[in-house]
Amino acid sequence: MTKNTFVFLIFVLILSGCADPPPLPYSFFVAGHTYGVKEKRIPGLHMPFVAEFDYLNQYAGMRFGVLTGDIVYYSNDTSWNHVDQQLQQLKVPTHFTTGNHDEGHKSPYKDRYGITYSAFEQENDLCIILNPGLGGWNIWGEQMAFLKETLATAPGYDNIFLFFHHLVWWAPDNEYQQYRPNSLDGRAPDVNFLSEVMPMLIATDKPVYCFAGDVAAAGNRTAFFADRKENIHLVASGMGNQMTDNYLLITVDEQKKVQVKVRWIQQKREEVVFPKEGEHPKISS
């Protein structure tokens, strides 16, 4: 080996060491309405969901989870202590979005967990937690300023994931009217998701996945929902009816392609939601 060849090899090694490593495949879960049913012995998470923790702990590439609101039925220290204790059984961190039952704008939630909207990164994907409950299901004021500032960084990411509790795309007179949420508690007459937030998400020109968590309670015929508008994927899941309880499993592969699956707890069955060949129909189970 000549001296010049040796120097060239060292230069190549140095450059390769400075290059960014390729993205790793990873997974996360999303679970809504996790208090499940009101009348139960343990005032924390829905026990059929807790029984899934062993499965989640061994799931390939699992990095984190998000509980999309109505985590507890009564927002008090007893309930939250149970939740915190139950979540210790999971090997990955779990993020919260707040529903009307969680009362994220009040104590004890805000004293225990702090601000109810935030953002974090995972393998060059942008994850955004929102709380539409602060504005009658609207995103406005300081939260809107936060969202605009966060979405301004979208060009640097591969995928965008949004998490919130309310079915903010639902209205009593639009195309989603038959896919009702569990509750309309706190909803303003007009909600600005479709008129203001959706155009901002479309403008990112990135794959965007919006996860809500207020379906599948006892008495609600809508247990699950999925639809796609341009680059925006809308998904709602939940539990509590004890027949079609469900949560979501999301995997991002090495090429940054996203797969969304719904896991039906009672059936121990998984179904691919996105991507599907052809159309992406709305689903109500």
Protein backbone atom coordinates (compact mmCIF):
# COMPACT_ATOMS: atom_id res chain seq x y z
CA MET A 1 0.00 0.00 0.00
CA THR A 2 1.43 3.35 -1.03
CA LYS A 3 1.50 6.32 1.30
CA ASN A 4 -1.07 8.19 -0.84
CA THR A 5 -3.44 5.19 -0.78
CA PHE A 6 -3.12 4.94 2.99
CA VAL A 7 -3.88 8.66 3.43
CA PHE A 8 -6.91 8.34 1.12
CA LEU A 9 -8.29 5.41 3.13
CA ILE A 10 -7.90 7.33 6.38
CA PHE A 11 -9.72 10.29 4.80
CA VAL A 12 -12.60 8.05 3.70
CA LEU A 13 -12.85 6.52 7.17
CA ILE A 14 -12.98 9.96 8.76
CA LEU A 15 -15.73 11.08 6.40
CA SER A 16 -17.77 7.92 6.95
CA GLY A 17 -17.45 8.40 10.70
CA CYS A 18 -18.86 11.92 10.41
CA ALA A 19 -21.85 10.92 8.29
CA ASP A 20 -25.24 10.69 9.94
CA PRO A 21 -26.22 7.10 10.71
CA PRO A 22 -29.15 5.73 8.71
CA PRO A 23 -32.54 5.97 10.45
CA LEU A 24 -33.54 2.99 12.52
CA PRO A 25 -36.93 1.33 12.23
CA TYR A 26 -39.04 1.95 15.30
CA SER A 27 -42.56 1.51 16.65
CA PHE A 28 -44.89 3.26 19.07
CA PHE A 29 -48.40 2.73 20.37
CA VAL A 30 -51.37 5.09 20.69
CA ALA A 31 -54.23 4.32 23.09
CA GLY A 32 -57.36 6.41 23.63
CA HIS A 33 -60.05 6.55 26.31
CA THR A 34 -57.91 4.37 28.53
CA TYR A 35 -59.98 4.68 31.67
CA GLY A 36 -62.27 2.28 29.83
CA VAL A 37 -65.41 1.88 31.95
CA LYS A 38 -66.54 3.89 34.95
CA GLU A 39 -67.61 1.03 37.19
CA LYS A 40 -64.46 -0.93 37.97
CA ARG A 41 -62.44 -1.93 40.97
CA ILE A 42 -59.17 -0.22 40.03
CA PRO A 43 -59.57 3.54 39.33
CA GLY A 44 -56.74 3.70 36.80
CA LEU A 45 -56.30 2.29 33.31
CA HIS A 46 -58.66 -0.16 31.59
CA MET A 47 -57.49 -3.58 32.78
CA PRO A 48 -57.80 -5.33 29.39
CA PHE A 49 -55.37 -2.69 28.11
CA VAL A 50 -53.01 -3.21 31.05
CA ALA A 51 -53.06 -6.93 30.19
CA GLU A 52 -51.53 -5.95 26.82
CA PHE A 53 -48.38 -4.53 28.41
CA ASP A 54 -46.39 -7.76 28.09
CA TYR A 55 -47.22 -7.77 24.38
CA LEU A 56 -46.14 -4.14 24.02
CA ASN A 57 -42.91 -4.76 25.93
CA GLN A 58 -41.83 -7.39 23.42
CA TYR A 59 -43.09 -5.57 20.33
CA ALA A 60 -40.26 -5.01 17.82
CA GLY A 61 -38.64 -1.58 17.99
CA MET A 62 -41.08 -0.13 20.54
CA ARG A 63 -39.82 3.32 21.58
CA PHE A 64 -42.71 5.14 23.27
CA GLY A 65 -46.46 5.31 23.74
CA VAL A 66 -49.09 8.05 23.78
CA LEU A 67 -52.35 7.96 25.74
CA THR A 68 -54.76 10.15 23.80
CA GLY A 69 -56.95 11.46 26.58
CA ASP A 70 -59.64 10.37 29.03
CA ILE A 71 -56.88 8.53 30.80
CA VAL A 72 -58.82 8.58 34.08
CA TYR A 73 -62.51 8.94 34.86
CA TYR A 74 -62.00 11.11 37.96
CA SER A 75 -59.01 13.43 37.85
CA ASN A 76 -57.74 13.03 41.40
CA ASP A 77 -54.49 11.92 42.96
CA THR A 78 -55.82 8.42 43.65
CA SER A 79 -56.56 7.84 39.96
CA TRP A 80 -53.29 9.32 38.75
CA ASN A 81 -51.27 7.36 41.31
CA HIS A 82 -52.80 4.19 39.90
CA VAL A 83 -51.99 5.22 36.35
CA ASP A 84 -48.38 6.09 37.18
CA GLN A 85 -47.95 2.77 38.99
CA GLN A 86 -49.49 0.78 36.13
CA LEU A 87 -47.32 2.49 33.51
CA GLN A 88 -44.20 1.42 35.39
CA GLN A 89 -44.86 -2.03 33.93
CA LEU A 90 -44.04 -0.66 30.46
CA LYS A 91 -40.43 -0.55 29.31
CA VAL A 92 -40.90 2.63 27.24
CA PRO A 93 -41.88 6.19 28.18
CA THR A 94 -45.53 7.15 27.81
CA HIS A 95 -46.76 10.62 26.86
CA PHE A 96 -50.16 12.02 27.77
CA THR A 97 -52.70 14.06 25.88
CA THR A 98 -55.61 15.29 27.96
CA GLY A 99 -59.33 14.74 27.55
CA ASN A 100 -62.26 16.33 29.31
CA HIS A 101 -62.12 13.77 32.13
CA ASP A 102 -58.41 14.47 32.74
CA GLU A 103 -59.00 18.21 33.26
CA GLY A 104 -55.56 19.15 32.01
CA HIS A 105 -56.16 22.84 32.73
CA LYS A 106 -56.71 22.18 36.45
CA SER A 107 -55.02 20.66 39.45
CA PRO A 108 -54.02 17.95 40.12
CA TYR A 109 -53.12 17.26 36.47
CA LYS A 110 -51.22 20.48 35.77
CA ASP A 111 -49.34 20.22 39.08
CA ARG A 112 -48.27 16.65 38.35
CA TYR A 113 -47.57 16.76 34.60
CA GLY A 114 -47.30 20.40 33.56
CA ILE A 115 -48.11 21.93 30.18
CA THR A 116 -50.55 20.04 27.98
CA TYR A 117 -49.05 20.73 24.55
CA SER A 118 -45.49 20.02 23.49
CA ALA A 119 -43.31 18.47 20.78
CA PHE A 120 -40.50 15.94 20.59
CA GLU A 121 -38.43 14.15 17.94
CA GLN A 122 -38.05 10.46 17.18
CA GLU A 123 -35.66 9.24 14.46
CA ASN A 124 -36.12 12.43 12.40
CA ASP A 125 -39.89 12.40 12.79
CA LEU A 126 -41.77 15.23 14.49
CA CYS A 127 -44.27 14.37 17.22
CA ILE A 128 -46.71 17.06 18.41
CA ILE A 129 -49.03 16.78 21.40
CA LEU A 130 -51.99 19.19 21.42
CA ASN A 131 -54.85 19.97 23.79
CA PRO A 132 -57.90 21.25 21.85
CA GLY A 133 -59.83 21.18 25.12
CA LEU A 134 -58.17 24.47 26.07
CA GLY A 135 -60.21 26.25 23.39
CA GLY A 136 -63.54 24.49 23.04
CA TRP A 137 -61.90 21.95 20.70
CA ASN A 138 -60.10 24.79 18.90
CA ILE A 139 -56.40 25.42 18.55
CA TRP A 140 -55.85 29.12 19.11
CA GLY A 141 -53.92 31.72 21.11
CA GLU A 142 -50.61 30.57 22.53
CA GLN A 143 -51.24 26.98 21.44
CA MET A 144 -51.76 28.08 17.84
CA ALA A 145 -48.57 30.14 17.99
CA PHE A 146 -46.76 27.06 19.30
CA LEU A 147 -48.18 24.90 16.51
CA LYS A 148 -47.20 27.38 13.79
CA GLU A 149 -43.69 27.71 15.19
CA THR A 150 -43.32 23.93 15.43
CA LEU A 151 -44.67 23.27 11.91
CA ALA A 152 -42.20 25.83 10.54
CA THR A 153 -39.52 23.18 11.23
CA ALA A 154 -41.39 20.55 9.16
CA PRO A 155 -39.01 20.66 6.15
CA GLY A 156 -36.33 19.05 8.31
CA TYR A 157 -38.45 15.99 9.17
CA ASP A 158 -39.69 12.90 7.35
CA ASN A 159 -43.07 12.35 9.02
CA ILE A 160 -45.30 14.38 11.33
CA PHE A 161 -47.43 12.78 14.06
CA LEU A 162 -50.09 14.76 15.95
CA PHE A 163 -51.80 13.47 19.08
CA PHE A 164 -54.91 14.87 20.76
CA HIS A 165 -58.08 13.63 22.40
CA HIS A 166 -61.05 15.21 20.63
CA LEU A 167 -62.35 14.27 17.19
CA VAL A 168 -61.73 17.80 15.99
CA TRP A 169 -62.65 16.94 12.39
CA TRP A 170 -66.19 15.93 13.44
CA ALA A 171 -69.22 18.20 13.04
CA PRO A 172 -72.95 17.44 13.16
CA ASP A 173 -73.38 18.56 9.54
CA ASN A 174 -70.22 17.42 7.74
CA GLU A 175 -69.13 14.20 6.04
CA TYR A 176 -68.02 12.70 9.37
CA GLN A 177 -71.29 13.29 11.22
CA GLN A 178 -72.11 9.57 11.56
CA TYR A 179 -68.76 8.80 13.23
CA ARG A 180 -69.59 10.36 16.55
CA PRO A 181 -67.11 10.85 19.39
CA ASN A 182 -67.86 9.54 22.85
CA SER A 183 -68.67 13.01 24.14
CA LEU A 184 -69.26 16.53 22.86
CA ASP A 185 -68.37 17.98 26.25
CA GLY A 186 -66.87 21.46 25.93
CA ARG A 187 -67.23 21.66 22.16
CA ALA A 188 -67.70 25.16 20.78
CA PRO A 189 -70.29 25.75 18.02
CA ASP A 190 -67.45 26.21 15.52
CA VAL A 191 -64.18 24.28 15.53
CA ASN A 192 -61.18 25.46 13.50
CA PHE A 193 -59.38 22.20 12.73
CA LEU A 194 -60.70 21.73 9.19
CA SER A 195 -60.65 25.45 8.33
CA GLU A 196 -57.34 26.53 9.86
CA VAL A 197 -55.23 23.62 11.10
CA MET A 198 -55.73 21.24 8.17
CA PRO A 199 -54.43 23.76 5.58
CA MET A 200 -51.31 24.23 7.70
CA LEU A 201 -50.75 20.47 7.82
CA ILE A 202 -51.34 20.05 4.09
CA ALA A 203 -48.85 22.85 3.41
CA THR A 204 -46.05 20.93 5.13
CA ASP A 205 -46.06 18.56 2.14
CA LYS A 206 -45.09 15.78 4.55
CA PRO A 207 -46.99 12.64 5.54
CA VAL A 208 -49.06 13.76 8.53
CA TYR A 209 -50.86 11.39 10.92
CA CYS A 210 -53.45 12.77 13.35
CA PHE A 211 -54.46 10.50 16.23
CA ALA A 212 -57.55 11.17 18.37
CA GLY A 213 -58.75 9.07 21.29
CA ASP A 214 -62.43 9.60 22.03
CA VAL A 215 -64.34 6.64 20.58
CA ALA A 216 -65.33 3.11 21.67
CA ALA A 217 -66.86 3.91 25.05
CA ALA A 218 -69.89 1.91 26.14
CA GLY A 219 -72.91 2.97 24.11
CA ASN A 220 -70.95 4.55 21.25
CA ARG A 221 -71.41 2.67 17.97
CA THR A 222 -68.18 4.16 16.62
CA ALA A 223 -65.28 2.09 17.90
CA PHE A 224 -62.69 3.13 15.34
CA PHE A 225 -62.29 5.62 12.51
CA ALA A 226 -59.79 6.20 9.69
CA ASP A 227 -59.71 8.48 6.67
CA ARG A 228 -57.20 10.27 4.48
CA LYS A 229 -57.27 13.74 2.93
CA GLU A 230 -54.31 14.45 0.62
CA ASN A 231 -51.23 13.97 2.83
CA ILE A 232 -53.26 13.93 6.07
CA HIS A 233 -54.29 10.70 7.78
CA LEU A 234 -57.04 10.92 10.40
CA VAL A 235 -57.36 8.08 12.91
CA ALA A 236 -59.48 7.70 16.05
CA SER A 237 -59.29 4.75 18.44
CA GLY A 238 -60.39 3.94 21.95
CA MET A 239 -61.70 1.45 24.44
CA GLY A 240 -64.39 0.93 27.05
CA ASN A 241 -67.19 -1.00 25.38
CA GLN A 242 -65.42 -4.28 26.29
CA MET A 243 -66.26 -5.84 22.92
CA THR A 244 -64.28 -3.85 20.36
CA ASP A 245 -61.65 -2.19 22.55
CA ASN A 246 -58.71 -1.17 20.42
CA TYR A 247 -55.46 0.74 20.27
CA LEU A 248 -52.93 1.54 17.54
CA LEU A 249 -49.51 0.18 16.65
CA ILE A 250 -47.39 2.39 14.39
CA THR A 251 -44.15 1.30 12.74
CA VAL A 252 -41.73 3.48 10.75
CA ASP A 253 -39.31 1.46 8.62
CA GLU A 254 -35.77 2.23 7.41
CA GLN A 255 -37.15 4.06 4.37
CA LYS A 256 -39.33 6.21 6.70
CA LYS A 257 -42.53 4.59 5.43
CA VAL A 258 -45.29 4.50 8.04
CA GLN A 259 -47.58 1.57 8.79
CA VAL A 260 -50.58 2.04 11.08
CA LYS A 261 -52.31 -1.02 12.52
CA VAL A 262 -55.30 -1.26 14.83
CA ARG A 263 -55.13 -3.97 17.47
CA TRP A 264 -58.49 -5.31 18.62
CA ILE A 265 -57.92 -6.27 22.24
CA GLN A 266 -60.67 -8.85 22.74
CA GLN A 267 -59.94 -10.60 19.45
CA LYS A 268 -56.13 -10.38 19.82
CA ARG A 269 -56.18 -9.40 16.16
CA GLU A 270 -54.37 -6.71 14.17
CA GLU A 271 -55.51 -4.99 11.00
CA VAL A 272 -53.48 -2.71 8.73
CA VAL A 273 -55.12 0.70 8.40
CA PHE A 274 -52.44 2.57 6.44
CA PRO A 275 -51.12 1.96 3.89
CA LYS A 276 -53.95 0.27 2.04
CA GLU A 277 -54.05 -0.39 -1.68
CA GLY A 278 -56.46 1.89 -3.49
CA GLU A 279 -58.86 3.94 -1.41
CA HIS A 280 -58.66 4.50 2.33
CA PRO A 281 -62.28 4.18 3.44
CA LYS A 282 -63.73 5.40 6.68
CA ILE A 283 -64.21 2.55 9.10
CA SER A 284 -66.76 2.14 11.87
CA SER A 285 -66.71 -1.16 13.74
